[in-house]
Amino acid sequence: MGPTEGNNRLLKVLNQVSLDLGQGGVKPYDPGRRGAADVSFVAEYVDCLDGLGTMGKGAHTPKETVNLNTIENLTKRTAILIYRLINQ
């Protein structure tokens, strides 16, 4: 999933949501450093984002962990993102 103009527009909306919630800015992550994601299967057809889920370490390995303290804030951020997108 490479960067596109549409994906960057979505990222700007997500960034604003995060700033509005006092959670800090959201910056793009180098797609070459990411693993495979479900969104990769549709990325050539629609604008999309990845990485809206939990935070943790060791992604997609036997040592993967999830920081449970991040779930509430990330859920709020994603819910507001969806709300804003459907009401644009």
PDB file of N, CA and C in Angstrom:
ATOM      1  N   MET A   1       0.849  -1.173   0.000  1.00  0.00           N
ATOM      2  CA  MET A   1       0.000   0.000   0.000  1.00  0.00           C
ATOM      3  C   MET A   1       0.890   1.230   0.000  1.00  0.00           C
ATOM      4  N   GLY A   2       1.101   1.773  -1.147  1.00  0.00           N
ATOM      5  CA  GLY A   2       1.925   2.963  -1.261  1.00  0.00           C
ATOM      6  C   GLY A   2       1.156   4.230  -0.952  1.00  0.00           C
ATOM      7  N   PRO A   3       1.851   5.315  -0.677  1.00  0.00           N
ATOM      8  CA  PRO A   3       1.178   6.581  -0.398  1.00  0.00           C
ATOM      9  C   PRO A   3       0.489   7.100  -1.659  1.00  0.00           C
ATOM     10  N   THR A   4      -0.726   7.598  -1.511  1.00  0.00           N
ATOM     11  CA  THR A   4      -1.467   8.213  -2.604  1.00  0.00           C
ATOM     12  C   THR A   4      -2.070   9.513  -2.100  1.00  0.00           C
ATOM     13  N   GLU A   5      -2.549  10.318  -3.019  1.00  0.00           N
ATOM     14  CA  GLU A   5      -3.186  11.582  -2.636  1.00  0.00           C
ATOM     15  C   GLU A   5      -4.406  11.315  -1.749  1.00  0.00           C
ATOM     16  N   GLY A   6      -5.205  10.307  -2.119  1.00  0.00           N
ATOM     17  CA  GLY A   6      -6.390   9.973  -1.329  1.00  0.00           C
ATOM     18  C   GLY A   6      -6.046   9.478   0.059  1.00  0.00           C
ATOM     19  N   ASN A   7      -5.031   8.633   0.152  1.00  0.00           N
ATOM     20  CA  ASN A   7      -4.611   8.127   1.458  1.00  0.00           C
ATOM     21  C   ASN A   7      -4.098   9.274   2.332  1.00  0.00           C
ATOM     22  N   ASN A   8      -3.401  10.202   1.712  1.00  0.00           N
ATOM     23  CA  ASN A   8      -2.908  11.355   2.472  1.00  0.00           C
ATOM     24  C   ASN A   8      -4.055  12.226   2.976  1.00  0.00           C
ATOM     25  N   ARG A   9      -5.140  12.342   2.184  1.00  0.00           N
ATOM     26  CA  ARG A   9      -6.318  13.093   2.660  1.00  0.00           C
ATOM     27  C   ARG A   9      -6.927  12.409   3.882  1.00  0.00           C
ATOM     28  N   LEU A  10      -7.019  11.080   3.838  1.00  0.00           N
ATOM     29  CA  LEU A  10      -7.539  10.345   4.999  1.00  0.00           C
ATOM     30  C   LEU A  10      -6.644  10.553   6.217  1.00  0.00           C
ATOM     31  N   LEU A  11      -5.348  10.525   5.994  1.00  0.00           N
ATOM     32  CA  LEU A  11      -4.408  10.730   7.095  1.00  0.00           C
ATOM     33  C   LEU A  11      -4.572  12.112   7.712  1.00  0.00           C
ATOM     34  N   LYS A  12      -4.855  13.116   6.897  1.00  0.00           N
ATOM     35  CA  LYS A  12      -5.072  14.463   7.429  1.00  0.00           C
ATOM     36  C   LYS A  12      -6.299  14.501   8.337  1.00  0.00           C
ATOM     37  N   VAL A  13      -7.355  13.774   7.949  1.00  0.00           N
ATOM     38  CA  VAL A  13      -8.548  13.725   8.800  1.00  0.00           C
ATOM     39  C   VAL A  13      -8.213  13.017  10.112  1.00  0.00           C
ATOM     40  N   LEU A  14      -7.527  11.882  10.032  1.00  0.00           N
ATOM     41  CA  LEU A  14      -7.128  11.151  11.237  1.00  0.00           C
ATOM     42  C   LEU A  14      -6.235  12.012  12.123  1.00  0.00           C
ATOM     43  N   ASN A  15      -5.299  12.714  11.521  1.00  0.00           N
ATOM     44  CA  ASN A  15      -4.411  13.580  12.288  1.00  0.00           C
ATOM     45  C   ASN A  15      -5.205  14.644  13.034  1.00  0.00           C
ATOM     46  N   GLN A  16      -6.195  15.244  12.373  1.00  0.00           N
ATOM     47  CA  GLN A  16      -6.990  16.282  13.027  1.00  0.00           C
ATOM     48  C   GLN A  16      -7.798  15.707  14.179  1.00  0.00           C
ATOM     49  N   VAL A  17      -8.359  14.516  13.987  1.00  0.00           N
ATOM     50  CA  VAL A  17      -9.090  13.856  15.077  1.00  0.00           C
ATOM     51  C   VAL A  17      -8.160  13.660  16.266  1.00  0.00           C
ATOM     52  N   SER A  18      -6.974  13.148  16.006  1.00  0.00           N
ATOM     53  CA  SER A  18      -6.021  12.887  17.076  1.00  0.00           C
ATOM     54  C   SER A  18      -5.639  14.170  17.803  1.00  0.00           C
ATOM     55  N   LEU A  19      -5.426  15.233  17.043  1.00  0.00           N
ATOM     56  CA  LEU A  19      -5.103  16.521  17.660  1.00  0.00           C
ATOM     57  C   LEU A  19      -6.278  17.040  18.481  1.00  0.00           C
ATOM     58  N   ASP A  20      -7.490  16.917  17.940  1.00  0.00           N
ATOM     59  CA  ASP A  20      -8.684  17.379  18.658  1.00  0.00           C
ATOM     60  C   ASP A  20      -8.875  16.639  19.972  1.00  0.00           C
ATOM     61  N   LEU A  21      -8.468  15.378  20.016  1.00  0.00           N
ATOM     62  CA  LEU A  21      -8.591  14.578  21.240  1.00  0.00           C
ATOM     63  C   LEU A  21      -7.405  14.781  22.190  1.00  0.00           C
ATOM     64  N   GLY A  22      -6.434  15.591  21.790  1.00  0.00           N
ATOM     65  CA  GLY A  22      -5.254  15.805  22.619  1.00  0.00           C
ATOM     66  C   GLY A  22      -4.311  14.617  22.625  1.00  0.00           C
ATOM     67  N   GLN A  23      -4.377  13.800  21.575  1.00  0.00           N
ATOM     68  CA  GLN A  23      -3.538  12.601  21.499  1.00  0.00           C
ATOM     69  C   GLN A  23      -2.276  12.808  20.661  1.00  0.00           C
ATOM     70  N   GLY A  24      -2.058  14.029  20.206  1.00  0.00           N
ATOM     71  CA  GLY A  24      -0.871  14.308  19.408  1.00  0.00           C
ATOM     72  C   GLY A  24      -1.085  14.016  17.938  1.00  0.00           C
ATOM     73  N   GLY A  25      -0.119  14.436  17.133  1.00  0.00           N
ATOM     74  CA  GLY A  25      -0.206  14.263  15.692  1.00  0.00           C
ATOM     75  C   GLY A  25       0.040  12.835  15.248  1.00  0.00           C
ATOM     76  N   VAL A  26      -0.478  12.527  14.072  1.00  0.00           N
ATOM     77  CA  VAL A  26      -0.282  11.215  13.447  1.00  0.00           C
ATOM     78  C   VAL A  26       0.490  11.437  12.158  1.00  0.00           C
ATOM     79  N   LYS A  27       1.612  10.780  12.012  1.00  0.00           N
ATOM     80  CA  LYS A  27       2.465  10.942  10.839  1.00  0.00           C
ATOM     81  C   LYS A  27       2.456   9.674  10.003  1.00  0.00           C
ATOM     82  N   PRO A  28       2.699   9.815   8.703  1.00  0.00           N
ATOM     83  CA  PRO A  28       2.755   8.610   7.857  1.00  0.00           C
ATOM     84  C   PRO A  28       3.952   7.743   8.231  1.00  0.00           C
ATOM     85  N   TYR A  29       3.775   6.455   8.053  1.00  0.00           N
ATOM     86  CA  TYR A  29       4.835   5.497   8.331  1.00  0.00           C
ATOM     87  C   TYR A  29       5.283   4.912   7.000  1.00  0.00           C
ATOM     88  N   ASP A  30       6.548   4.738   6.824  1.00  0.00           N
ATOM     89  CA  ASP A  30       7.105   4.219   5.578  1.00  0.00           C
ATOM     90  C   ASP A  30       6.470   2.866   5.243  1.00  0.00           C
ATOM     91  N   PRO A  31       5.713   2.778   4.134  1.00  0.00           N
ATOM     92  CA  PRO A  31       5.052   1.517   3.803  1.00  0.00           C
ATOM     93  C   PRO A  31       6.040   0.389   3.544  1.00  0.00           C
ATOM     94  N   GLY A  32       7.253   0.714   3.186  1.00  0.00           N
ATOM     95  CA  GLY A  32       8.268  -0.308   2.974  1.00  0.00           C
ATOM     96  C   GLY A  32       8.728  -0.971   4.256  1.00  0.00           C
ATOM     97  N   ARG A  33       8.397  -0.387   5.387  1.00  0.00           N
ATOM     98  CA  ARG A  33       8.790  -0.943   6.684  1.00  0.00           C
ATOM     99  C   ARG A  33       7.647  -1.673   7.374  1.00  0.00           C
ATOM    100  N   ARG A  34       6.475  -1.697   6.736  1.00  0.00           N
ATOM    101  CA  ARG A  34       5.300  -2.366   7.293  1.00  0.00           C
ATOM    102  C   ARG A  34       5.241  -3.796   6.781  1.00  0.00           C
ATOM    103  N   GLY A  35       4.539  -4.612   7.504  1.00  0.00           N
ATOM    104  CA  GLY A  35       4.263  -5.962   7.043  1.00  0.00           C
ATOM    105  C   GLY A  35       3.021  -5.957   6.162  1.00  0.00           C
ATOM    106  N   ALA A  36       2.606  -7.124   5.769  1.00  0.00           N
ATOM    107  CA  ALA A  36       1.382  -7.244   4.965  1.00  0.00           C
ATOM    108  C   ALA A  36       0.183  -6.927   5.850  1.00  0.00           C
ATOM    109  N   ALA A  37      -0.798  -6.281   5.252  1.00  0.00           N
ATOM    110  CA  ALA A  37      -2.016  -5.947   5.986  1.00  0.00           C
ATOM    111  C   ALA A  37      -3.215  -6.305   5.119  1.00  0.00           C
ATOM    112  N   ASP A  38      -4.330  -6.583   5.767  1.00  0.00           N
ATOM    113  CA  ASP A  38      -5.550  -6.899   5.023  1.00  0.00           C
ATOM    114  C   ASP A  38      -5.893  -5.795   4.029  1.00  0.00           C
ATOM    115  N   VAL A  39      -5.662  -4.560   4.421  1.00  0.00           N
ATOM    116  CA  VAL A  39      -6.000  -3.432   3.563  1.00  0.00           C
ATOM    117  C   VAL A  39      -5.217  -3.460   2.250  1.00  0.00           C
ATOM    118  N   SER A  40      -4.104  -4.128   2.221  1.00  0.00           N
ATOM    119  CA  SER A  40      -3.297  -4.198   1.005  1.00  0.00           C
ATOM    120  C   SER A  40      -4.052  -4.830  -0.161  1.00  0.00           C
ATOM    121  N   PHE A  41      -5.028  -5.658   0.151  1.00  0.00           N
ATOM    122  CA  PHE A  41      -5.776  -6.329  -0.905  1.00  0.00           C
ATOM    123  C   PHE A  41      -6.745  -5.393  -1.626  1.00  0.00           C
ATOM    124  N   VAL A  42      -7.112  -4.285  -1.007  1.00  0.00           N
ATOM    125  CA  VAL A  42      -8.042  -3.337  -1.632  1.00  0.00           C
ATOM    126  C   VAL A  42      -7.401  -1.983  -1.889  1.00  0.00           C
ATOM    127  N   ALA A  43      -6.175  -1.796  -1.469  1.00  0.00           N
ATOM    128  CA  ALA A  43      -5.519  -0.495  -1.533  1.00  0.00           C
ATOM    129  C   ALA A  43      -5.422   0.068  -2.945  1.00  0.00           C
ATOM    130  N   GLU A  44      -5.352  -0.773  -3.940  1.00  0.00           N
ATOM    131  CA  GLU A  44      -5.262  -0.247  -5.303  1.00  0.00           C
ATOM    132  C   GLU A  44      -6.612   0.250  -5.828  1.00  0.00           C
ATOM    133  N   TYR A  45      -7.693  -0.073  -5.114  1.00  0.00           N
ATOM    134  CA  TYR A  45      -9.028   0.283  -5.578  1.00  0.00           C
ATOM    135  C   TYR A  45      -9.675   1.426  -4.801  1.00  0.00           C
ATOM    136  N   VAL A  46      -9.308   1.610  -3.548  1.00  0.00           N
ATOM    137  CA  VAL A  46      -9.934   2.628  -2.702  1.00  0.00           C
ATOM    138  C   VAL A  46      -8.881   3.321  -1.844  1.00  0.00           C
ATOM    139  N   ASP A  47      -9.197   4.524  -1.400  1.00  0.00           N
ATOM    140  CA  ASP A  47      -8.336   5.221  -0.448  1.00  0.00           C
ATOM    141  C   ASP A  47      -8.453   4.508   0.888  1.00  0.00           C
ATOM    142  N   CYS A  48      -7.355   4.344   1.599  1.00  0.00           N
ATOM    143  CA  CYS A  48      -7.410   3.591   2.847  1.00  0.00           C
ATOM    144  C   CYS A  48      -6.274   3.970   3.791  1.00  0.00           C
ATOM    145  N   LEU A  49      -6.450   3.528   5.020  1.00  0.00           N
ATOM    146  CA  LEU A  49      -5.449   3.694   6.073  1.00  0.00           C
ATOM    147  C   LEU A  49      -5.191   2.342   6.708  1.00  0.00           C
ATOM    148  N   ASP A  50      -4.055   2.201   7.319  1.00  0.00           N
ATOM    149  CA  ASP A  50      -3.705   1.012   8.076  1.00  0.00           C
ATOM    150  C   ASP A  50      -3.177   1.474   9.419  1.00  0.00           C
ATOM    151  N   GLY A  51      -3.166   0.588  10.385  1.00  0.00           N
ATOM    152  CA  GLY A  51      -2.585   0.930  11.672  1.00  0.00           C
ATOM    153  C   GLY A  51      -3.515   1.660  12.612  1.00  0.00           C
ATOM    154  N   LEU A  52      -4.804   1.393  12.540  1.00  0.00           N
ATOM    155  CA  LEU A  52      -5.756   2.051  13.434  1.00  0.00           C
ATOM    156  C   LEU A  52      -5.981   1.265  14.718  1.00  0.00           C
ATOM    157  N   GLY A  53      -5.418   0.087  14.810  1.00  0.00           N
ATOM    158  CA  GLY A  53      -5.646  -0.781  15.967  1.00  0.00           C
ATOM    159  C   GLY A  53      -4.731  -0.480  17.130  1.00  0.00           C
ATOM    160  N   THR A  54      -4.507  -1.479  17.919  1.00  0.00           N
ATOM    161  CA  THR A  54      -3.751  -1.319  19.164  1.00  0.00           C
ATOM    162  C   THR A  54      -2.274  -1.043  18.921  1.00  0.00           C
ATOM    163  N   MET A  55      -1.631  -0.594  19.960  1.00  0.00           N
ATOM    164  CA  MET A  55      -0.186  -0.369  19.954  1.00  0.00           C
ATOM    165  C   MET A  55       0.462  -1.514  20.713  1.00  0.00           C
ATOM    166  N   GLY A  56       1.684  -1.797  20.357  1.00  0.00           N
ATOM    167  CA  GLY A  56       2.400  -2.859  21.045  1.00  0.00           C
ATOM    168  C   GLY A  56       3.778  -3.035  20.446  1.00  0.00           C
ATOM    169  N   LYS A  57       4.316  -4.223  20.639  1.00  0.00           N
ATOM    170  CA  LYS A  57       5.654  -4.542  20.131  1.00  0.00           C
ATOM    171  C   LYS A  57       5.644  -5.931  19.510  1.00  0.00           C
ATOM    172  N   GLY A  58       6.619  -6.187  18.659  1.00  0.00           N
ATOM    173  CA  GLY A  58       6.802  -7.510  18.092  1.00  0.00           C
ATOM    174  C   GLY A  58       5.690  -7.947  17.152  1.00  0.00           C
ATOM    175  N   ALA A  59       5.135  -6.998  16.401  1.00  0.00           N
ATOM    176  CA  ALA A  59       3.977  -7.283  15.545  1.00  0.00           C
ATOM    177  C   ALA A  59       4.171  -8.525  14.681  1.00  0.00           C
ATOM    178  N   HIS A  60       3.153  -9.366  14.683  1.00  0.00           N
ATOM    179  CA  HIS A  60       3.083 -10.563  13.838  1.00  0.00           C
ATOM    180  C   HIS A  60       4.207 -11.560  14.100  1.00  0.00           C
ATOM    181  N   THR A  61       4.652 -11.603  15.336  1.00  0.00           N
ATOM    182  CA  THR A  61       5.657 -12.591  15.737  1.00  0.00           C
ATOM    183  C   THR A  61       5.134 -13.319  16.974  1.00  0.00           C
ATOM    184  N   PRO A  62       5.761 -14.426  17.345  1.00  0.00           N
ATOM    185  CA  PRO A  62       5.346 -15.121  18.572  1.00  0.00           C
ATOM    186  C   PRO A  62       5.521 -14.262  19.832  1.00  0.00           C
ATOM    187  N   LYS A  63       6.333 -13.215  19.755  1.00  0.00           N
ATOM    188  CA  LYS A  63       6.569 -12.352  20.914  1.00  0.00           C
ATOM    189  C   LYS A  63       5.734 -11.075  20.865  1.00  0.00           C
ATOM    190  N   GLU A  64       4.688 -11.055  20.029  1.00  0.00           N
ATOM    191  CA  GLU A  64       3.854  -9.867  19.918  1.00  0.00           C
ATOM    192  C   GLU A  64       3.142  -9.575  21.237  1.00  0.00           C
ATOM    193  N   THR A  65       3.122  -8.301  21.609  1.00  0.00           N
ATOM    194  CA  THR A  65       2.410  -7.867  22.806  1.00  0.00           C
ATOM    195  C   THR A  65       1.514  -6.693  22.439  1.00  0.00           C
ATOM    196  N   VAL A  66       0.482  -6.477  23.227  1.00  0.00           N
ATOM    197  CA  VAL A  66      -0.438  -5.361  23.034  1.00  0.00           C
ATOM    198  C   VAL A  66      -0.435  -4.537  24.311  1.00  0.00           C
ATOM    199  N   ASN A  67      -0.317  -3.236  24.151  1.00  0.00           N
ATOM    200  CA  ASN A  67      -0.392  -2.332  25.287  1.00  0.00           C
ATOM    201  C   ASN A  67      -1.868  -2.037  25.542  1.00  0.00           C
ATOM    202  N   LEU A  68      -2.452  -2.688  26.519  1.00  0.00           N
ATOM    203  CA  LEU A  68      -3.880  -2.540  26.805  1.00  0.00           C
ATOM    204  C   LEU A  68      -4.263  -1.117  27.189  1.00  0.00           C
ATOM    205  N   ASN A  69      -3.309  -0.336  27.638  1.00  0.00           N
ATOM    206  CA  ASN A  69      -3.590   1.049  28.013  1.00  0.00           C
ATOM    207  C   ASN A  69      -3.889   1.940  26.807  1.00  0.00           C
ATOM    208  N   THR A  70      -3.625   1.450  25.582  1.00  0.00           N
ATOM    209  CA  THR A  70      -3.850   2.265  24.389  1.00  0.00           C
ATOM    210  C   THR A  70      -5.222   2.026  23.758  1.00  0.00           C
ATOM    211  N   ILE A  71      -5.903   0.975  24.136  1.00  0.00           N
ATOM    212  CA  ILE A  71      -7.132   0.574  23.441  1.00  0.00           C
ATOM    213  C   ILE A  71      -8.225   1.637  23.535  1.00  0.00           C
ATOM    214  N   GLU A  72      -8.461   2.194  24.697  1.00  0.00           N
ATOM    215  CA  GLU A  72      -9.551   3.168  24.851  1.00  0.00           C
ATOM    216  C   GLU A  72      -9.342   4.393  23.967  1.00  0.00           C
ATOM    217  N   ASN A  73      -8.158   4.988  24.003  1.00  0.00           N
ATOM    218  CA  ASN A  73      -7.900   6.186  23.206  1.00  0.00           C
ATOM    219  C   ASN A  73      -7.925   5.896  21.712  1.00  0.00           C
ATOM    220  N   LEU A  74      -7.371   4.763  21.304  1.00  0.00           N
ATOM    221  CA  LEU A  74      -7.362   4.435  19.880  1.00  0.00           C
ATOM    222  C   LEU A  74      -8.761   4.108  19.376  1.00  0.00           C
ATOM    223  N   THR A  75      -9.587   3.510  20.218  1.00  0.00           N
ATOM    224  CA  THR A  75     -10.977   3.237  19.843  1.00  0.00           C
ATOM    225  C   THR A  75     -11.742   4.536  19.671  1.00  0.00           C
ATOM    226  N   LYS A  76     -11.554   5.480  20.579  1.00  0.00           N
ATOM    227  CA  LYS A  76     -12.199   6.794  20.455  1.00  0.00           C
ATOM    228  C   LYS A  76     -11.762   7.478  19.168  1.00  0.00           C
ATOM    229  N   ARG A  77     -10.477   7.455  18.907  1.00  0.00           N
ATOM    230  CA  ARG A  77      -9.944   8.121  17.717  1.00  0.00           C
ATOM    231  C   ARG A  77     -10.521   7.512  16.437  1.00  0.00           C
ATOM    232  N   THR A  78     -10.575   6.198  16.383  1.00  0.00           N
ATOM    233  CA  THR A  78     -11.112   5.532  15.197  1.00  0.00           C
ATOM    234  C   THR A  78     -12.605   5.783  15.040  1.00  0.00           C
ATOM    235  N   ALA A  79     -13.344   5.756  16.130  1.00  0.00           N
ATOM    236  CA  ALA A  79     -14.792   6.007  16.065  1.00  0.00           C
ATOM    237  C   ALA A  79     -15.082   7.416  15.552  1.00  0.00           C
ATOM    238  N   ILE A  80     -14.341   8.390  16.042  1.00  0.00           N
ATOM    239  CA  ILE A  80     -14.556   9.770  15.597  1.00  0.00           C
ATOM    240  C   ILE A  80     -14.114   9.932  14.143  1.00  0.00           C
ATOM    241  N   LEU A  81     -13.045   9.269  13.751  1.00  0.00           N
ATOM    242  CA  LEU A  81     -12.612   9.290  12.351  1.00  0.00           C
ATOM    243  C   LEU A  81     -13.741   8.783  11.447  1.00  0.00           C
ATOM    244  N   ILE A  82     -14.309   7.645  11.780  1.00  0.00           N
ATOM    245  CA  ILE A  82     -15.392   7.078  10.974  1.00  0.00           C
ATOM    246  C   ILE A  82     -16.578   8.028  10.941  1.00  0.00           C
ATOM    247  N   TYR A  83     -16.936   8.585  12.080  1.00  0.00           N
ATOM    248  CA  TYR A  83     -18.054   9.541  12.161  1.00  0.00           C
ATOM    249  C   TYR A  83     -17.819  10.718  11.221  1.00  0.00           C
ATOM    250  N   ARG A  84     -16.623  11.289  11.279  1.00  0.00           N
ATOM    251  CA  ARG A  84     -16.332  12.449  10.440  1.00  0.00           C
ATOM    252  C   ARG A  84     -16.342  12.085   8.965  1.00  0.00           C
ATOM    253  N   LEU A  85     -15.807  10.925   8.619  1.00  0.00           N
ATOM    254  CA  LEU A  85     -15.777  10.516   7.220  1.00  0.00           C
ATOM    255  C   LEU A  85     -17.176  10.295   6.642  1.00  0.00           C
ATOM    256  N   ILE A  86     -18.060   9.695   7.431  1.00  0.00           N
ATOM    257  CA  ILE A  86     -19.402   9.447   6.895  1.00  0.00           C
ATOM    258  C   ILE A  86     -20.267  10.704   6.888  1.00  0.00           C
ATOM    259  N   ASN A  87     -19.833  11.740   7.582  1.00  0.00           N
ATOM    260  CA  ASN A  87     -20.600  12.979   7.631  1.00  0.00           C
ATOM    261  C   ASN A  87     -19.971  14.106   6.803  1.00  0.00           C
ATOM    262  N   GLN A  88     -19.000  13.781   6.004  1.00  0.00           N
ATOM    263  CA  GLN A  88     -18.370  14.802   5.154  1.00  0.00           C
ATOM    264  C   GLN A  88     -19.262  15.143   3.993  1.00  0.00           C
TER     265      GLN A  88
END
